[in-house]
Amino acid sequence: MKSILHDFYFGRINPCERQNIPESKYKDIIQKLDEEEKHLTSRLSEEDCLHFQDFKKLIYQATSIDEVEVFKIGYKLGALMVMEITNDRGQ
């Protein structure tokens, strides 16, 4: 039987990897984002394009921080559930 904890310990599982995203929907959204970005940047001055790139970097940083926090909350919730199940067995 394959152990998730074993694979997690040895780095075979990366929580940041997304394996359940419907590819076509994701690809469609990414393509639309790329098209919209090209449209917007074609209308901006060089200086405004630089500001836009900085804006995108900040959005990425904020999203990354948020994803880490959501992961931690989910992981803690799972641990609390296991603790509750373990405690209930002793009663």
PDB file of N, CA and C in Angstrom:
ATOM      1  N   MET A   1       0.849  -1.189   0.000  1.00  0.00           N
ATOM      2  CA  MET A   1       0.000   0.000   0.000  1.00  0.00           C
ATOM      3  C   MET A   1       0.891   1.249   0.000  1.00  0.00           C
ATOM      4  N   LYS A   2       0.590   2.167  -0.852  1.00  0.00           N
ATOM      5  CA  LYS A   2       1.370   3.397  -0.975  1.00  0.00           C
ATOM      6  C   LYS A   2       1.036   4.335   0.193  1.00  0.00           C
ATOM      7  N   SER A   3       2.071   4.876   0.822  1.00  0.00           N
ATOM      8  CA  SER A   3       1.891   5.775   1.959  1.00  0.00           C
ATOM      9  C   SER A   3       2.086   7.220   1.511  1.00  0.00           C
ATOM     10  N   ILE A   4       1.064   8.022   1.660  1.00  0.00           N
ATOM     11  CA  ILE A   4       1.146   9.439   1.316  1.00  0.00           C
ATOM     12  C   ILE A   4       2.171  10.130   2.205  1.00  0.00           C
ATOM     13  N   LEU A   5       2.170   9.809   3.493  1.00  0.00           N
ATOM     14  CA  LEU A   5       3.125  10.438   4.411  1.00  0.00           C
ATOM     15  C   LEU A   5       4.556  10.070   4.047  1.00  0.00           C
ATOM     16  N   HIS A   6       4.775   8.835   3.633  1.00  0.00           N
ATOM     17  CA  HIS A   6       6.105   8.392   3.213  1.00  0.00           C
ATOM     18  C   HIS A   6       6.565   9.210   2.004  1.00  0.00           C
ATOM     19  N   ASP A   7       5.696   9.330   1.003  1.00  0.00           N
ATOM     20  CA  ASP A   7       6.035  10.100  -0.197  1.00  0.00           C
ATOM     21  C   ASP A   7       6.235  11.580   0.127  1.00  0.00           C
ATOM     22  N   PHE A   8       5.422  12.102   1.028  1.00  0.00           N
ATOM     23  CA  PHE A   8       5.540  13.503   1.437  1.00  0.00           C
ATOM     24  C   PHE A   8       6.876  13.749   2.132  1.00  0.00           C
ATOM     25  N   TYR A   9       7.261  12.831   3.025  1.00  0.00           N
ATOM     26  CA  TYR A   9       8.522  12.960   3.762  1.00  0.00           C
ATOM     27  C   TYR A   9       9.719  12.975   2.813  1.00  0.00           C
ATOM     28  N   PHE A  10       9.687  12.102   1.815  1.00  0.00           N
ATOM     29  CA  PHE A  10      10.811  11.997   0.896  1.00  0.00           C
ATOM     30  C   PHE A  10      10.726  12.967  -0.283  1.00  0.00           C
ATOM     31  N   GLY A  11       9.811  13.914  -0.214  1.00  0.00           N
ATOM     32  CA  GLY A  11       9.734  14.969  -1.216  1.00  0.00           C
ATOM     33  C   GLY A  11       9.121  14.560  -2.537  1.00  0.00           C
ATOM     34  N   ARG A  12       8.411  13.451  -2.542  1.00  0.00           N
ATOM     35  CA  ARG A  12       7.776  13.009  -3.782  1.00  0.00           C
ATOM     36  C   ARG A  12       6.428  13.705  -4.004  1.00  0.00           C
ATOM     37  N   ILE A  13       5.962  14.381  -2.988  1.00  0.00           N
ATOM     38  CA  ILE A  13       4.707  15.132  -3.074  1.00  0.00           C
ATOM     39  C   ILE A  13       5.018  16.592  -2.815  1.00  0.00           C
ATOM     40  N   ASN A  14       4.620  17.419  -3.725  1.00  0.00           N
ATOM     41  CA  ASN A  14       4.801  18.854  -3.567  1.00  0.00           C
ATOM     42  C   ASN A  14       3.409  19.483  -3.491  1.00  0.00           C
ATOM     43  N   PRO A  15       3.021  20.027  -2.332  1.00  0.00           N
ATOM     44  CA  PRO A  15       1.679  20.594  -2.188  1.00  0.00           C
ATOM     45  C   PRO A  15       1.373  21.702  -3.182  1.00  0.00           C
ATOM     46  N   CYS A  16       2.405  22.323  -3.745  1.00  0.00           N
ATOM     47  CA  CYS A  16       2.167  23.400  -4.712  1.00  0.00           C
ATOM     48  C   CYS A  16       1.801  22.876  -6.088  1.00  0.00           C
ATOM     49  N   GLU A  17       2.051  21.598  -6.345  1.00  0.00           N
ATOM     50  CA  GLU A  17       1.690  21.023  -7.638  1.00  0.00           C
ATOM     51  C   GLU A  17       0.189  20.825  -7.678  1.00  0.00           C
ATOM     52  N   ARG A  18      -0.390  21.262  -8.752  1.00  0.00           N
ATOM     53  CA  ARG A  18      -1.834  21.121  -8.923  1.00  0.00           C
ATOM     54  C   ARG A  18      -2.075  20.040  -9.962  1.00  0.00           C
ATOM     55  N   GLN A  19      -2.680  18.957  -9.520  1.00  0.00           N
ATOM     56  CA  GLN A  19      -2.883  17.846 -10.438  1.00  0.00           C
ATOM     57  C   GLN A  19      -4.328  17.727 -10.903  1.00  0.00           C
ATOM     58  N   ASN A  20      -5.242  18.452 -10.316  1.00  0.00           N
ATOM     59  CA  ASN A  20      -6.653  18.267 -10.625  1.00  0.00           C
ATOM     60  C   ASN A  20      -7.275  19.457 -11.352  1.00  0.00           C
ATOM     61  N   ILE A  21      -6.477  20.270 -12.000  1.00  0.00           N
ATOM     62  CA  ILE A  21      -7.018  21.400 -12.741  1.00  0.00           C
ATOM     63  C   ILE A  21      -7.435  20.895 -14.122  1.00  0.00           C
ATOM     64  N   PRO A  22      -8.693  21.134 -14.481  1.00  0.00           N
ATOM     65  CA  PRO A  22      -9.093  20.742 -15.848  1.00  0.00           C
ATOM     66  C   PRO A  22      -8.257  21.523 -16.852  1.00  0.00           C
ATOM     67  N   GLU A  23      -7.433  20.815 -17.617  1.00  0.00           N
ATOM     68  CA  GLU A  23      -6.442  21.466 -18.474  1.00  0.00           C
ATOM     69  C   GLU A  23      -7.043  22.423 -19.477  1.00  0.00           C
ATOM     70  N   SER A  24      -8.102  22.036 -20.155  1.00  0.00           N
ATOM     71  CA  SER A  24      -8.635  22.901 -21.211  1.00  0.00           C
ATOM     72  C   SER A  24      -9.150  24.219 -20.645  1.00  0.00           C
ATOM     73  N   LYS A  25      -9.845  24.178 -19.524  1.00  0.00           N
ATOM     74  CA  LYS A  25     -10.369  25.405 -18.913  1.00  0.00           C
ATOM     75  C   LYS A  25      -9.223  26.295 -18.457  1.00  0.00           C
ATOM     76  N   TYR A  26      -8.215  25.710 -17.828  1.00  0.00           N
ATOM     77  CA  TYR A  26      -7.059  26.461 -17.351  1.00  0.00           C
ATOM     78  C   TYR A  26      -6.311  27.089 -18.520  1.00  0.00           C
ATOM     79  N   LYS A  27      -6.065  26.293 -19.561  1.00  0.00           N
ATOM     80  CA  LYS A  27      -5.357  26.808 -20.729  1.00  0.00           C
ATOM     81  C   LYS A  27      -6.127  27.933 -21.402  1.00  0.00           C
ATOM     82  N   ASP A  28      -7.447  27.805 -21.455  1.00  0.00           N
ATOM     83  CA  ASP A  28      -8.282  28.856 -22.048  1.00  0.00           C
ATOM     84  C   ASP A  28      -8.155  30.165 -21.271  1.00  0.00           C
ATOM     85  N   ILE A  29      -8.169  30.059 -19.965  1.00  0.00           N
ATOM     86  CA  ILE A  29      -8.061  31.262 -19.128  1.00  0.00           C
ATOM     87  C   ILE A  29      -6.679  31.888 -19.276  1.00  0.00           C
ATOM     88  N   ILE A  30      -5.639  31.077 -19.261  1.00  0.00           N
ATOM     89  CA  ILE A  30      -4.279  31.591 -19.418  1.00  0.00           C
ATOM     90  C   ILE A  30      -4.118  32.269 -20.772  1.00  0.00           C
ATOM     91  N   GLN A  31      -4.669  31.662 -21.810  1.00  0.00           N
ATOM     92  CA  GLN A  31      -4.586  32.259 -23.147  1.00  0.00           C
ATOM     93  C   GLN A  31      -5.318  33.601 -23.177  1.00  0.00           C
ATOM     94  N   LYS A  32      -6.492  33.663 -22.561  1.00  0.00           N
ATOM     95  CA  LYS A  32      -7.259  34.916 -22.526  1.00  0.00           C
ATOM     96  C   LYS A  32      -6.506  35.991 -21.734  1.00  0.00           C
ATOM     97  N   LEU A  33      -5.896  35.605 -20.618  1.00  0.00           N
ATOM     98  CA  LEU A  33      -5.093  36.550 -19.842  1.00  0.00           C
ATOM     99  C   LEU A  33      -3.938  37.099 -20.671  1.00  0.00           C
ATOM    100  N   ASP A  34      -3.278  36.225 -21.404  1.00  0.00           N
ATOM    101  CA  ASP A  34      -2.159  36.637 -22.247  1.00  0.00           C
ATOM    102  C   ASP A  34      -2.625  37.610 -23.332  1.00  0.00           C
ATOM    103  N   GLU A  35      -3.747  37.305 -23.953  1.00  0.00           N
ATOM    104  CA  GLU A  35      -4.293  38.195 -24.984  1.00  0.00           C
ATOM    105  C   GLU A  35      -4.642  39.566 -24.409  1.00  0.00           C
ATOM    106  N   GLU A  36      -5.277  39.568 -23.240  1.00  0.00           N
ATOM    107  CA  GLU A  36      -5.664  40.833 -22.609  1.00  0.00           C
ATOM    108  C   GLU A  36      -4.437  41.645 -22.209  1.00  0.00           C
ATOM    109  N   GLU A  37      -3.410  40.972 -21.703  1.00  0.00           N
ATOM    110  CA  GLU A  37      -2.185  41.673 -21.330  1.00  0.00           C
ATOM    111  C   GLU A  37      -1.530  42.309 -22.558  1.00  0.00           C
ATOM    112  N   LYS A  38      -1.457  41.557 -23.639  1.00  0.00           N
ATOM    113  CA  LYS A  38      -0.878  42.107 -24.868  1.00  0.00           C
ATOM    114  C   LYS A  38      -1.678  43.308 -25.363  1.00  0.00           C
ATOM    115  N   HIS A  39      -2.990  43.206 -25.283  1.00  0.00           N
ATOM    116  CA  HIS A  39      -3.843  44.316 -25.700  1.00  0.00           C
ATOM    117  C   HIS A  39      -3.574  45.563 -24.849  1.00  0.00           C
ATOM    118  N   LEU A  40      -3.525  45.368 -23.536  1.00  0.00           N
ATOM    119  CA  LEU A  40      -3.297  46.505 -22.635  1.00  0.00           C
ATOM    120  C   LEU A  40      -1.909  47.110 -22.818  1.00  0.00           C
ATOM    121  N   THR A  41      -0.895  46.258 -22.852  1.00  0.00           N
ATOM    122  CA  THR A  41       0.474  46.790 -22.941  1.00  0.00           C
ATOM    123  C   THR A  41       0.749  47.462 -24.288  1.00  0.00           C
ATOM    124  N   SER A  42       0.025  47.058 -25.320  1.00  0.00           N
ATOM    125  CA  SER A  42       0.219  47.711 -26.628  1.00  0.00           C
ATOM    126  C   SER A  42      -0.260  49.162 -26.605  1.00  0.00           C
ATOM    127  N   ARG A  43      -1.102  49.485 -25.649  1.00  0.00           N
ATOM    128  CA  ARG A  43      -1.660  50.840 -25.554  1.00  0.00           C
ATOM    129  C   ARG A  43      -0.939  51.701 -24.508  1.00  0.00           C
ATOM    130  N   LEU A  44      -0.018  51.098 -23.773  1.00  0.00           N
ATOM    131  CA  LEU A  44       0.665  51.818 -22.703  1.00  0.00           C
ATOM    132  C   LEU A  44       2.007  52.366 -23.178  1.00  0.00           C
ATOM    133  N   SER A  45       2.420  53.423 -22.511  1.00  0.00           N
ATOM    134  CA  SER A  45       3.766  53.939 -22.772  1.00  0.00           C
ATOM    135  C   SER A  45       4.783  52.964 -22.167  1.00  0.00           C
ATOM    136  N   GLU A  46       6.044  53.153 -22.509  1.00  0.00           N
ATOM    137  CA  GLU A  46       7.094  52.279 -21.967  1.00  0.00           C
ATOM    138  C   GLU A  46       7.128  52.359 -20.442  1.00  0.00           C
ATOM    139  N   GLU A  47       7.012  53.566 -19.916  1.00  0.00           N
ATOM    140  CA  GLU A  47       7.013  53.743 -18.457  1.00  0.00           C
ATOM    141  C   GLU A  47       5.808  53.063 -17.821  1.00  0.00           C
ATOM    142  N   ASP A  48       4.644  53.204 -18.440  1.00  0.00           N
ATOM    143  CA  ASP A  48       3.451  52.555 -17.906  1.00  0.00           C
ATOM    144  C   ASP A  48       3.557  51.032 -17.988  1.00  0.00           C
ATOM    145  N   CYS A  49       4.213  50.525 -19.033  1.00  0.00           N
ATOM    146  CA  CYS A  49       4.435  49.076 -19.139  1.00  0.00           C
ATOM    147  C   CYS A  49       5.305  48.578 -17.991  1.00  0.00           C
ATOM    148  N   LEU A  50       6.307  49.355 -17.625  1.00  0.00           N
ATOM    149  CA  LEU A  50       7.159  48.977 -16.488  1.00  0.00           C
ATOM    150  C   LEU A  50       6.356  48.956 -15.191  1.00  0.00           C
ATOM    151  N   HIS A  51       5.487  49.943 -15.016  1.00  0.00           N
ATOM    152  CA  HIS A  51       4.623  49.976 -13.827  1.00  0.00           C
ATOM    153  C   HIS A  51       3.673  48.771 -13.829  1.00  0.00           C
ATOM    154  N   PHE A  52       3.181  48.441 -14.993  1.00  0.00           N
ATOM    155  CA  PHE A  52       2.283  47.291 -15.101  1.00  0.00           C
ATOM    156  C   PHE A  52       3.013  45.997 -14.739  1.00  0.00           C
ATOM    157  N   GLN A  53       4.259  45.847 -15.183  1.00  0.00           N
ATOM    158  CA  GLN A  53       5.049  44.662 -14.841  1.00  0.00           C
ATOM    159  C   GLN A  53       5.291  44.585 -13.331  1.00  0.00           C
ATOM    160  N   ASP A  54       5.579  45.737 -12.713  1.00  0.00           N
ATOM    161  CA  ASP A  54       5.745  45.770 -11.257  1.00  0.00           C
ATOM    162  C   ASP A  54       4.445  45.380 -10.560  1.00  0.00           C
ATOM    163  N   PHE A  55       3.332  45.862 -11.090  1.00  0.00           N
ATOM    164  CA  PHE A  55       2.008  45.531 -10.550  1.00  0.00           C
ATOM    165  C   PHE A  55       1.777  44.023 -10.599  1.00  0.00           C
ATOM    166  N   LYS A  56       2.107  43.410 -11.743  1.00  0.00           N
ATOM    167  CA  LYS A  56       1.935  41.966 -11.881  1.00  0.00           C
ATOM    168  C   LYS A  56       2.799  41.200 -10.881  1.00  0.00           C
ATOM    169  N   LYS A  57       4.013  41.652 -10.659  1.00  0.00           N
ATOM    170  CA  LYS A  57       4.901  40.993  -9.695  1.00  0.00           C
ATOM    171  C   LYS A  57       4.314  41.067  -8.290  1.00  0.00           C
ATOM    172  N   LEU A  58       3.757  42.220  -7.940  1.00  0.00           N
ATOM    173  CA  LEU A  58       3.153  42.379  -6.618  1.00  0.00           C
ATOM    174  C   LEU A  58       1.917  41.496  -6.462  1.00  0.00           C
ATOM    175  N   ILE A  59       1.118  41.394  -7.514  1.00  0.00           N
ATOM    176  CA  ILE A  59      -0.052  40.509  -7.483  1.00  0.00           C
ATOM    177  C   ILE A  59       0.404  39.065  -7.280  1.00  0.00           C
ATOM    178  N   TYR A  60       1.457  38.659  -7.986  1.00  0.00           N
ATOM    179  CA  TYR A  60       1.983  37.307  -7.853  1.00  0.00           C
ATOM    180  C   TYR A  60       2.462  37.057  -6.417  1.00  0.00           C
ATOM    181  N   GLN A  61       3.182  38.020  -5.844  1.00  0.00           N
ATOM    182  CA  GLN A  61       3.671  37.866  -4.473  1.00  0.00           C
ATOM    183  C   GLN A  61       2.513  37.741  -3.489  1.00  0.00           C
ATOM    184  N   ALA A  62       1.496  38.587  -3.648  1.00  0.00           N
ATOM    185  CA  ALA A  62       0.341  38.541  -2.746  1.00  0.00           C
ATOM    186  C   ALA A  62      -0.398  37.214  -2.891  1.00  0.00           C
ATOM    187  N   THR A  63      -0.559  36.741  -4.114  1.00  0.00           N
ATOM    188  CA  THR A  63      -1.234  35.470  -4.355  1.00  0.00           C
ATOM    189  C   THR A  63      -0.443  34.315  -3.754  1.00  0.00           C
ATOM    190  N   SER A  64       0.864  34.350  -3.890  1.00  0.00           N
ATOM    191  CA  SER A  64       1.708  33.290  -3.323  1.00  0.00           C
ATOM    192  C   SER A  64       1.584  33.239  -1.806  1.00  0.00           C
ATOM    193  N   ILE A  65       1.609  34.398  -1.174  1.00  0.00           N
ATOM    194  CA  ILE A  65       1.459  34.463   0.288  1.00  0.00           C
ATOM    195  C   ILE A  65       0.107  33.898   0.692  1.00  0.00           C
ATOM    196  N   ASP A  66      -0.933  34.280  -0.037  1.00  0.00           N
ATOM    197  CA  ASP A  66      -2.279  33.800   0.257  1.00  0.00           C
ATOM    198  C   ASP A  66      -2.371  32.284   0.096  1.00  0.00           C
ATOM    199  N   GLU A  67      -1.783  31.741  -0.964  1.00  0.00           N
ATOM    200  CA  GLU A  67      -1.818  30.293  -1.184  1.00  0.00           C
ATOM    201  C   GLU A  67      -1.109  29.536  -0.069  1.00  0.00           C
ATOM    202  N   VAL A  68       0.001  30.058   0.401  1.00  0.00           N
ATOM    203  CA  VAL A  68       0.724  29.412   1.507  1.00  0.00           C
ATOM    204  C   VAL A  68      -0.141  29.404   2.758  1.00  0.00           C
ATOM    205  N   GLU A  69      -0.784  30.527   3.045  1.00  0.00           N
ATOM    206  CA  GLU A  69      -1.627  30.607   4.245  1.00  0.00           C
ATOM    207  C   GLU A  69      -2.826  29.666   4.154  1.00  0.00           C
ATOM    208  N   VAL A  70      -3.442  29.571   2.977  1.00  0.00           N
ATOM    209  CA  VAL A  70      -4.565  28.650   2.791  1.00  0.00           C
ATOM    210  C   VAL A  70      -4.094  27.214   2.965  1.00  0.00           C
ATOM    211  N   PHE A  71      -2.915  26.891   2.426  1.00  0.00           N
ATOM    212  CA  PHE A  71      -2.365  25.549   2.595  1.00  0.00           C
ATOM    213  C   PHE A  71      -2.148  25.234   4.070  1.00  0.00           C
ATOM    214  N   LYS A  72      -1.566  26.190   4.804  1.00  0.00           N
ATOM    215  CA  LYS A  72      -1.306  25.970   6.234  1.00  0.00           C
ATOM    216  C   LYS A  72      -2.606  25.754   6.996  1.00  0.00           C
ATOM    217  N   ILE A  73      -3.629  26.524   6.681  1.00  0.00           N
ATOM    218  CA  ILE A  73      -4.923  26.372   7.354  1.00  0.00           C
ATOM    219  C   ILE A  73      -5.493  24.987   7.066  1.00  0.00           C
ATOM    220  N   GLY A  74      -5.431  24.558   5.802  1.00  0.00           N
ATOM    221  CA  GLY A  74      -5.934  23.236   5.440  1.00  0.00           C
ATOM    222  C   GLY A  74      -5.158  22.125   6.115  1.00  0.00           C
ATOM    223  N   TYR A  75      -3.851  22.275   6.173  1.00  0.00           N
ATOM    224  CA  TYR A  75      -3.010  21.259   6.801  1.00  0.00           C
ATOM    225  C   TYR A  75      -3.319  21.165   8.301  1.00  0.00           C
ATOM    226  N   LYS A  76      -3.471  22.315   8.940  1.00  0.00           N
ATOM    227  CA  LYS A  76      -3.796  22.323  10.370  1.00  0.00           C
ATOM    228  C   LYS A  76      -5.168  21.705  10.611  1.00  0.00           C
ATOM    229  N   LEU A  77      -6.126  22.008   9.741  1.00  0.00           N
ATOM    230  CA  LEU A  77      -7.462  21.440   9.885  1.00  0.00           C
ATOM    231  C   LEU A  77      -7.403  19.919   9.783  1.00  0.00           C
ATOM    232  N   GLY A  78      -6.638  19.420   8.806  1.00  0.00           N
ATOM    233  CA  GLY A  78      -6.487  17.977   8.664  1.00  0.00           C
ATOM    234  C   GLY A  78      -5.850  17.357   9.897  1.00  0.00           C
ATOM    235  N   ALA A  79      -4.831  18.013  10.445  1.00  0.00           N
ATOM    236  CA  ALA A  79      -4.165  17.505  11.652  1.00  0.00           C
ATOM    237  C   ALA A  79      -5.127  17.498  12.840  1.00  0.00           C
ATOM    238  N   LEU A  80      -5.926  18.552  12.963  1.00  0.00           N
ATOM    239  CA  LEU A  80      -6.903  18.600  14.055  1.00  0.00           C
ATOM    240  C   LEU A  80      -7.944  17.487  13.923  1.00  0.00           C
ATOM    241  N   MET A  81      -8.337  17.188  12.682  1.00  0.00           N
ATOM    242  CA  MET A  81      -9.289  16.090  12.467  1.00  0.00           C
ATOM    243  C   MET A  81      -8.684  14.760  12.889  1.00  0.00           C
ATOM    244  N   VAL A  82      -7.433  14.534  12.524  1.00  0.00           N
ATOM    245  CA  VAL A  82      -6.756  13.288  12.901  1.00  0.00           C
ATOM    246  C   VAL A  82      -6.640  13.208  14.419  1.00  0.00           C
ATOM    247  N   MET A  83      -6.302  14.328  15.061  1.00  0.00           N
ATOM    248  CA  MET A  83      -6.199  14.333  16.526  1.00  0.00           C
ATOM    249  C   MET A  83      -7.544  14.005  17.167  1.00  0.00           C
ATOM    250  N   GLU A  84      -8.617  14.565  16.625  1.00  0.00           N
ATOM    251  CA  GLU A  84      -9.949  14.296  17.185  1.00  0.00           C
ATOM    252  C   GLU A  84     -10.315  12.829  17.020  1.00  0.00           C
ATOM    253  N   ILE A  85     -10.020  12.269  15.845  1.00  0.00           N
ATOM    254  CA  ILE A  85     -10.313  10.852  15.605  1.00  0.00           C
ATOM    255  C   ILE A  85      -9.502   9.981  16.553  1.00  0.00           C
ATOM    256  N   THR A  86      -8.224  10.320  16.734  1.00  0.00           N
ATOM    257  CA  THR A  86      -7.362   9.568  17.622  1.00  0.00           C
ATOM    258  C   THR A  86      -7.853   9.650  19.065  1.00  0.00           C
ATOM    259  N   ASN A  87      -8.256  10.843  19.484  1.00  0.00           N
ATOM    260  CA  ASN A  87      -8.770  11.009  20.851  1.00  0.00           C
ATOM    261  C   ASN A  87     -10.064  10.272  21.057  1.00  0.00           C
ATOM    262  N   ASP A  88     -10.937  10.224  20.056  1.00  0.00           N
ATOM    263  CA  ASP A  88     -12.210   9.535  20.172  1.00  0.00           C
ATOM    264  C   ASP A  88     -12.032   8.042  20.324  1.00  0.00           C
ATOM    265  N   ARG A  89     -10.972   7.499  19.744  1.00  0.00           N
ATOM    266  CA  ARG A  89     -10.724   6.048  19.846  1.00  0.00           C
ATOM    267  C   ARG A  89     -10.401   5.641  21.281  1.00  0.00           C
ATOM    268  N   GLY A  90      -9.823   6.542  22.034  1.00  0.00           N
ATOM    269  CA  GLY A  90      -9.433   6.244  23.418  1.00  0.00           C
ATOM    270  C   GLY A  90     -10.612   6.286  24.373  1.00  0.00           C
ATOM    271  N   GLN A  91     -11.755   6.765  23.945  1.00  0.00           N
ATOM    272  CA  GLN A  91     -12.906   6.899  24.852  1.00  0.00           C
ATOM    273  C   GLN A  91     -13.817   5.703  24.781  1.00  0.00           C
TER     274      GLN A  91
END
